Amino acid sequence: MNCFQNPELGIYSSDANECTLTDIEVAADVNQELVFPNPITDKLTLLSDSKTVEVYNLQGLLEHSQVHNGIPIDLYNLVPGIYFLKTDYGVHKIIKQ
């Protein structure tokens, strides 16, 4: 996988499966997705052509589901912790502060 260069974000590590950028996870897929900020406080931005978004807690319970329409995803009601954001193209670990 080739990581893209962005002078504002800066790549600090990469491996065969993903590029990890400051506060942004880039999916290792043809349809790359940007998920930021991470950790989040209230709203999460997903840059993707994914049509659905689901957020699961560590127990695998669905906490949030919506049709993705390009606007930031409001997750203010989640308690602080670790969650998994599932899109049409993959799963991202997110942290709610």
C-alpha atoms as a PDB file:
ATOM      1  CA  MET A   1       0.000   0.000   0.000  1.00  0.00           C
ATOM      2  CA  ASN A   2       1.231   3.482  -0.787  1.00  0.00           C
ATOM      3  CA  CYS A   3       0.556   6.186   1.771  1.00  0.00           C
ATOM      4  CA  PHE A   4      -0.315   9.596   0.411  1.00  0.00           C
ATOM      5  CA  GLN A   5       1.670  12.615   1.524  1.00  0.00           C
ATOM      6  CA  ASN A   6      -0.044  15.581   3.137  1.00  0.00           C
ATOM      7  CA  PRO A   7       2.256  18.265   4.595  1.00  0.00           C
ATOM      8  CA  GLU A   8      -0.473  19.502   6.961  1.00  0.00           C
ATOM      9  CA  LEU A   9      -1.121  16.071   8.466  1.00  0.00           C
ATOM     10  CA  GLY A  10       2.218  14.290   8.168  1.00  0.00           C
ATOM     11  CA  ILE A  11       2.569  10.528   8.092  1.00  0.00           C
ATOM     12  CA  TYR A  12       4.148   9.131  11.226  1.00  0.00           C
ATOM     13  CA  SER A  13       3.887   5.387  10.613  1.00  0.00           C
ATOM     14  CA  SER A  14       2.683   2.849   8.091  1.00  0.00           C
ATOM     15  CA  ASP A  15       2.509  -0.894   7.616  1.00  0.00           C
ATOM     16  CA  ALA A  16       1.228  -3.305   4.982  1.00  0.00           C
ATOM     17  CA  ASN A  17      -2.437  -2.748   5.896  1.00  0.00           C
ATOM     18  CA  GLU A  18      -2.897   0.910   6.711  1.00  0.00           C
ATOM     19  CA  CYS A  19      -1.386   4.358   6.983  1.00  0.00           C
ATOM     20  CA  THR A  20      -1.742   6.011  10.367  1.00  0.00           C
ATOM     21  CA  LEU A  21      -1.802   9.799  10.289  1.00  0.00           C
ATOM     22  CA  THR A  22      -2.108  12.296  13.101  1.00  0.00           C
ATOM     23  CA  ASP A  23      -5.713  11.843  14.316  1.00  0.00           C
ATOM     24  CA  ILE A  24      -6.810  10.274  11.012  1.00  0.00           C
ATOM     25  CA  GLU A  25      -7.096   6.613  10.057  1.00  0.00           C
ATOM     26  CA  VAL A  26      -6.970   5.818   6.352  1.00  0.00           C
ATOM     27  CA  ALA A  27      -8.660   2.592   5.290  1.00  0.00           C
ATOM     28  CA  ALA A  28      -6.493   0.285   3.228  1.00  0.00           C
ATOM     29  CA  ASP A  29      -9.105  -0.038   0.485  1.00  0.00           C
ATOM     30  CA  VAL A  30      -9.540   1.164  -3.071  1.00  0.00           C
ATOM     31  CA  ASN A  31     -12.285   3.408  -1.718  1.00  0.00           C
ATOM     32  CA  GLN A  32     -10.163   5.142   0.897  1.00  0.00           C
ATOM     33  CA  GLU A  33     -12.015   6.647   3.818  1.00  0.00           C
ATOM     34  CA  LEU A  34     -10.927   9.420   6.133  1.00  0.00           C
ATOM     35  CA  VAL A  35     -12.277   9.350   9.683  1.00  0.00           C
ATOM     36  CA  PHE A  36     -11.469  12.328  11.911  1.00  0.00           C
ATOM     37  CA  PRO A  37     -10.947  13.582  14.537  1.00  0.00           C
ATOM     38  CA  ASN A  38     -10.006  10.542  16.549  1.00  0.00           C
ATOM     39  CA  PRO A  39     -10.451  10.703  19.492  1.00  0.00           C
ATOM     40  CA  ILE A  40     -13.771  12.520  19.186  1.00  0.00           C
ATOM     41  CA  THR A  41     -15.836  14.618  21.564  1.00  0.00           C
ATOM     42  CA  ASP A  42     -19.190  15.116  19.810  1.00  0.00           C
ATOM     43  CA  LYS A  43     -18.984  14.969  16.005  1.00  0.00           C
ATOM     44  CA  LEU A  44     -17.096  12.639  13.688  1.00  0.00           C
ATOM     45  CA  THR A  45     -16.335  13.437  10.064  1.00  0.00           C
ATOM     46  CA  LEU A  46     -16.314  10.582   7.561  1.00  0.00           C
ATOM     47  CA  LEU A  47     -15.018  11.346   4.073  1.00  0.00           C
ATOM     48  CA  SER A  48     -16.280   8.391   2.085  1.00  0.00           C
ATOM     49  CA  ASP A  49     -18.853   7.346  -0.467  1.00  0.00           C
ATOM     50  CA  SER A  50     -20.181   4.789   2.035  1.00  0.00           C
ATOM     51  CA  LYS A  51     -23.976   4.880   2.257  1.00  0.00           C
ATOM     52  CA  THR A  52     -24.350   3.458   5.764  1.00  0.00           C
ATOM     53  CA  VAL A  53     -22.664   4.090   9.100  1.00  0.00           C
ATOM     54  CA  GLU A  54     -22.987   1.951  12.221  1.00  0.00           C
ATOM     55  CA  VAL A  55     -21.245   2.406  15.580  1.00  0.00           C
ATOM     56  CA  TYR A  56     -20.783  -0.599  17.880  1.00  0.00           C
ATOM     57  CA  ASN A  57     -19.509  -0.728  21.461  1.00  0.00           C
ATOM     58  CA  LEU A  58     -16.886  -3.201  22.690  1.00  0.00           C
ATOM     59  CA  GLN A  59     -19.614  -5.722  23.519  1.00  0.00           C
ATOM     60  CA  GLY A  60     -20.749  -5.688  19.879  1.00  0.00           C
ATOM     61  CA  LEU A  61     -23.998  -3.843  20.578  1.00  0.00           C
ATOM     62  CA  LEU A  62     -25.197  -1.326  17.997  1.00  0.00           C
ATOM     63  CA  GLU A  63     -25.056   2.171  19.542  1.00  0.00           C
ATOM     64  CA  HIS A  64     -25.748   4.334  16.477  1.00  0.00           C
ATOM     65  CA  SER A  65     -26.874   3.788  12.895  1.00  0.00           C
ATOM     66  CA  GLN A  66     -27.611   6.202  10.074  1.00  0.00           C
ATOM     67  CA  VAL A  67     -27.532   6.785   6.359  1.00  0.00           C
ATOM     68  CA  HIS A  68     -24.313   8.630   5.550  1.00  0.00           C
ATOM     69  CA  ASN A  69     -25.131  11.913   3.840  1.00  0.00           C
ATOM     70  CA  GLY A  70     -21.740  13.630   3.989  1.00  0.00           C
ATOM     71  CA  ILE A  71     -22.381  15.790   7.040  1.00  0.00           C
ATOM     72  CA  PRO A  72     -20.546  15.164  10.348  1.00  0.00           C
ATOM     73  CA  ILE A  73     -21.927  12.286  12.401  1.00  0.00           C
ATOM     74  CA  ASP A  74     -23.297  13.458  15.751  1.00  0.00           C
ATOM     75  CA  LEU A  75     -22.142  11.066  18.494  1.00  0.00           C
ATOM     76  CA  TYR A  76     -22.614  13.350  21.526  1.00  0.00           C
ATOM     77  CA  ASN A  77     -24.856  10.763  23.227  1.00  0.00           C
ATOM     78  CA  LEU A  78     -22.143   8.083  23.422  1.00  0.00           C
ATOM     79  CA  VAL A  79     -20.401   7.636  26.764  1.00  0.00           C
ATOM     80  CA  PRO A  80     -16.593   7.935  26.676  1.00  0.00           C
ATOM     81  CA  GLY A  81     -14.918   4.744  25.520  1.00  0.00           C
ATOM     82  CA  ILE A  82     -13.782   2.708  22.530  1.00  0.00           C
ATOM     83  CA  TYR A  83     -16.151   2.030  19.642  1.00  0.00           C
ATOM     84  CA  PHE A  84     -16.076   0.545  16.165  1.00  0.00           C
ATOM     85  CA  LEU A  85     -17.344   2.540  13.190  1.00  0.00           C
ATOM     86  CA  LYS A  86     -18.567   0.203  10.454  1.00  0.00           C
ATOM     87  CA  THR A  87     -18.979   1.536   6.920  1.00  0.00           C
ATOM     88  CA  ASP A  88     -19.639  -0.132   3.587  1.00  0.00           C
ATOM     89  CA  TYR A  89     -15.869  -0.511   3.145  1.00  0.00           C
ATOM     90  CA  GLY A  90     -14.484  -1.473   6.531  1.00  0.00           C
ATOM     91  CA  VAL A  91     -14.305  -0.955  10.254  1.00  0.00           C
ATOM     92  CA  HIS A  92     -12.494   1.862  12.071  1.00  0.00           C
ATOM     93  CA  LYS A  93     -11.675   1.978  15.775  1.00  0.00           C
ATOM     94  CA  ILE A  94     -12.748   5.300  17.276  1.00  0.00           C
ATOM     95  CA  ILE A  95     -12.339   6.698  20.764  1.00  0.00           C
ATOM     96  CA  LYS A  96     -14.984   8.912  22.385  1.00  0.00           C
ATOM     97  CA  GLN A  97     -13.645  11.292  25.042  1.00  0.00           C
END
